[in-house]
C-alpha atoms as a PDB file:
ATOM      1  CA  LYS A   1     140.382 131.893  92.194  1.00  0.00           C
ATOM      2  CA  ASN A   2     136.798 132.853  92.960  1.00  0.00           C
ATOM      3  CA  ARG A   3     136.797 130.448  95.930  1.00  0.00           C
ATOM      4  CA  ASN A   4     139.653 132.383  97.576  1.00  0.00           C
ATOM      5  CA  VAL A   5     137.612 135.561  97.444  1.00  0.00           C
ATOM      6  CA  ASN A   6     134.671 133.768  99.060  1.00  0.00           C
ATOM      7  CA  SER A   7     136.762 132.165 101.785  1.00  0.00           C
ATOM      8  CA  LYS A   8     138.384 135.521 102.544  1.00  0.00           C
ATOM      9  CA  GLY A   9     134.924 137.050 102.816  1.00  0.00           C
ATOM     10  CA  GLU A  10     133.779 134.147 104.967  1.00  0.00           C
ATOM     11  CA  ASN A  11     136.784 134.657 107.261  1.00  0.00           C
ATOM     12  CA  GLU A  12     135.938 138.337 107.639  1.00  0.00           C
ATOM     13  CA  ILE A  13     132.322 137.469 108.461  1.00  0.00           C
ATOM     14  CA  MET A  14     133.480 134.862 111.001  1.00  0.00           C
ATOM     15  CA  ALA A  15     135.830 137.422 112.588  1.00  0.00           C
ATOM     16  CA  GLN A  16     132.996 139.940 112.930  1.00  0.00           C
ATOM     17  CA  THR A  17     130.691 137.254 114.318  1.00  0.00           C
ATOM     18  CA  THR A  18     133.337 136.295 116.894  1.00  0.00           C
ATOM     19  CA  LYS A  19     133.883 139.912 117.928  1.00  0.00           C
ATOM     20  CA  GLN A  20     130.134 140.388 118.283  1.00  0.00           C
ATOM     21  CA  TYR A  21     129.916 137.209 120.368  1.00  0.00           C
ATOM     22  CA  PHE A  22     132.394 138.644 122.882  1.00  0.00           C
ATOM     23  CA  LYS A  23     130.671 142.029 122.974  1.00  0.00           C
ATOM     24  CA  ASP A  24     127.288 140.376 123.552  1.00  0.00           C
ATOM     25  CA  PHE A  25     128.695 137.972 126.141  1.00  0.00           C
ATOM     26  CA  TRP A  26     130.256 140.857 128.075  1.00  0.00           C
ATOM     27  CA  ALA A  27     127.066 142.936 127.903  1.00  0.00           C
ATOM     28  CA  GLU A  28     124.769 140.109 128.979  1.00  0.00           C
ATOM     29  CA  SER A  29     126.982 138.233 131.417  1.00  0.00           C
ATOM     30  CA  ASP A  30     126.982 138.776 135.130  1.00  0.00           C
ATOM     31  CA  ILE A  31     129.375 135.874 135.682  1.00  0.00           C
ATOM     32  CA  ILE A  32     132.522 137.730 134.626  1.00  0.00           C
ATOM     33  CA  ASP A  33     134.377 139.307 137.543  1.00  0.00           C
ATOM     34  CA  ASP A  34     134.532 143.120 137.548  1.00  0.00           C
ATOM     35  CA  SER A  35     138.328 143.100 137.852  1.00  0.00           C
ATOM     36  CA  PHE A  36     141.271 140.726 137.731  1.00  0.00           C
ATOM     37  CA  GLU A  37     144.569 140.972 139.594  1.00  0.00           C
ATOM     38  CA  ILE A  38     147.468 139.214 137.914  1.00  0.00           C
ATOM     39  CA  THR A  39     151.054 139.175 139.176  1.00  0.00           C
ATOM     40  CA  ASP A  40     153.752 138.824 136.523  1.00  0.00           C
ATOM     41  CA  SER A  41     156.992 136.839 136.875  1.00  0.00           C
ATOM     42  CA  LYS A  42     158.797 139.900 138.325  1.00  0.00           C
ATOM     43  CA  GLY A  43     156.187 140.343 141.052  1.00  0.00           C
ATOM     44  CA  THR A  44     154.459 143.348 139.478  1.00  0.00           C
ATOM     45  CA  LEU A  45     150.721 143.447 140.065  1.00  0.00           C
ATOM     46  CA  HIS A  46     148.544 144.145 137.006  1.00  0.00           C
ATOM     47  CA  ILE A  47     144.887 145.027 137.461  1.00  0.00           C
ATOM     48  CA  PHE A  48     142.464 144.612 134.559  1.00  0.00           C
ATOM     49  CA  ASP A  49     138.855 145.676 134.669  1.00  0.00           C
ATOM     50  CA  LYS A  50     136.185 143.824 132.741  1.00  0.00           C
ATOM     51  CA  ASP A  51     136.297 146.256 129.793  1.00  0.00           C
ATOM     52  CA  GLN A  52     140.081 146.036 129.534  1.00  0.00           C
ATOM     53  CA  VAL A  53     139.847 142.250 129.317  1.00  0.00           C
ATOM     54  CA  LEU A  54     137.374 142.560 126.445  1.00  0.00           C
ATOM     55  CA  ALA A  55     139.640 145.058 124.666  1.00  0.00           C
ATOM     56  CA  GLU A  56     142.627 142.695 125.036  1.00  0.00           C
ATOM     57  CA  ILE A  57     140.677 139.768 123.591  1.00  0.00           C
ATOM     58  CA  LEU A  58     139.341 141.860 120.700  1.00  0.00           C
ATOM     59  CA  ALA A  59     142.914 142.969 119.898  1.00  0.00           C
ATOM     60  CA  MET A  60     144.078 139.363 119.502  1.00  0.00           C
ATOM     61  CA  PRO A  61     144.336 137.679 116.100  1.00  0.00           C
ATOM     62  CA  ASN A  62     141.064 136.280 114.752  1.00  0.00           C
ATOM     63  CA  SER A  63     142.294 132.694 115.037  1.00  0.00           C
ATOM     64  CA  ILE A  64     142.994 133.151 118.764  1.00  0.00           C
ATOM     65  CA  GLN A  65     139.649 134.887 119.304  1.00  0.00           C
ATOM     66  CA  LYS A  66     137.908 131.936 117.706  1.00  0.00           C
ATOM     67  CA  GLN A  67     139.711 129.499 120.029  1.00  0.00           C
ATOM     68  CA  ILE A  68     138.804 131.592 123.076  1.00  0.00           C
ATOM     69  CA  ARG A  69     135.182 131.843 121.925  1.00  0.00           C
ATOM     70  CA  ASN A  70     134.989 128.066 121.550  1.00  0.00           C
ATOM     71  CA  LYS A  71     136.421 127.594 125.065  1.00  0.00           C
ATOM     72  CA  PHE A  72     133.940 130.126 126.477  1.00  0.00           C
ATOM     73  CA  ILE A  73     131.057 128.275 124.850  1.00  0.00           C
ATOM     74  CA  TYR A  74     132.308 124.936 126.208  1.00  0.00           C
ATOM     75  CA  ILE A  75     132.895 126.253 129.740  1.00  0.00           C
ATOM     76  CA  ASP A  76     129.552 128.065 129.776  1.00  0.00           C
ATOM     77  CA  PHE A  77     127.770 124.912 128.555  1.00  0.00           C
ATOM     78  CA  LYS A  78     129.402 122.865 131.321  1.00  0.00           C
ATOM     79  CA  ARG A  79     128.508 125.580 133.851  1.00  0.00           C
ATOM     80  CA  GLY A  80     132.183 126.121 134.605  1.00  0.00           C
ATOM     81  CA  ASP A  81     133.877 129.302 135.763  1.00  0.00           C
ATOM     82  CA  ILE A  82     134.830 131.484 132.791  1.00  0.00           C
ATOM     83  CA  ASN A  83     136.947 133.643 135.106  1.00  0.00           C
ATOM     84  CA  HIS A  84     139.547 130.866 135.372  1.00  0.00           C
ATOM     85  CA  LEU A  85     140.088 131.003 131.606  1.00  0.00           C
ATOM     86  CA  ILE A  86     140.215 134.802 131.655  1.00  0.00           C
ATOM     87  CA  LYS A  87     142.899 134.714 134.368  1.00  0.00           C
ATOM     88  CA  TYR A  88     144.863 132.157 132.336  1.00  0.00           C
ATOM     89  CA  ILE A  89     144.710 134.425 129.266  1.00  0.00           C
ATOM     90  CA  LEU A  90     145.778 137.478 131.269  1.00  0.00           C
ATOM     91  CA  LYS A  91     148.714 135.592 132.809  1.00  0.00           C
ATOM     92  CA  GLY A  92     149.939 134.966 129.277  1.00  0.00           C
ATOM     93  CA  LEU A  93     149.678 138.662 128.468  1.00  0.00           C
ATOM     94  CA  VAL A  94     151.683 139.902 131.453  1.00  0.00           C
ATOM     95  CA  LYS A  95     154.515 137.326 131.452  1.00  0.00           C
END
């Protein structure tokens, strides 16, 4: 029973660490576009600024945030374009 309390606490710490990762990445990164234009399936244009993208990611469940963080780390390590992943995420939000 004591282990469940610890793992719950560990999950909360991991969630806070993940949120802080995104906040730090956004503050320190000049590779993220200032805005994103996404057209939904009905042809409506949605415009997200950099801060809105961060807010959307931080509003996602912790498990999804962790997956996104891991992809960011991988893409950044490979010197890829993080903006492609951000656009992919936003397309899923505006379906």
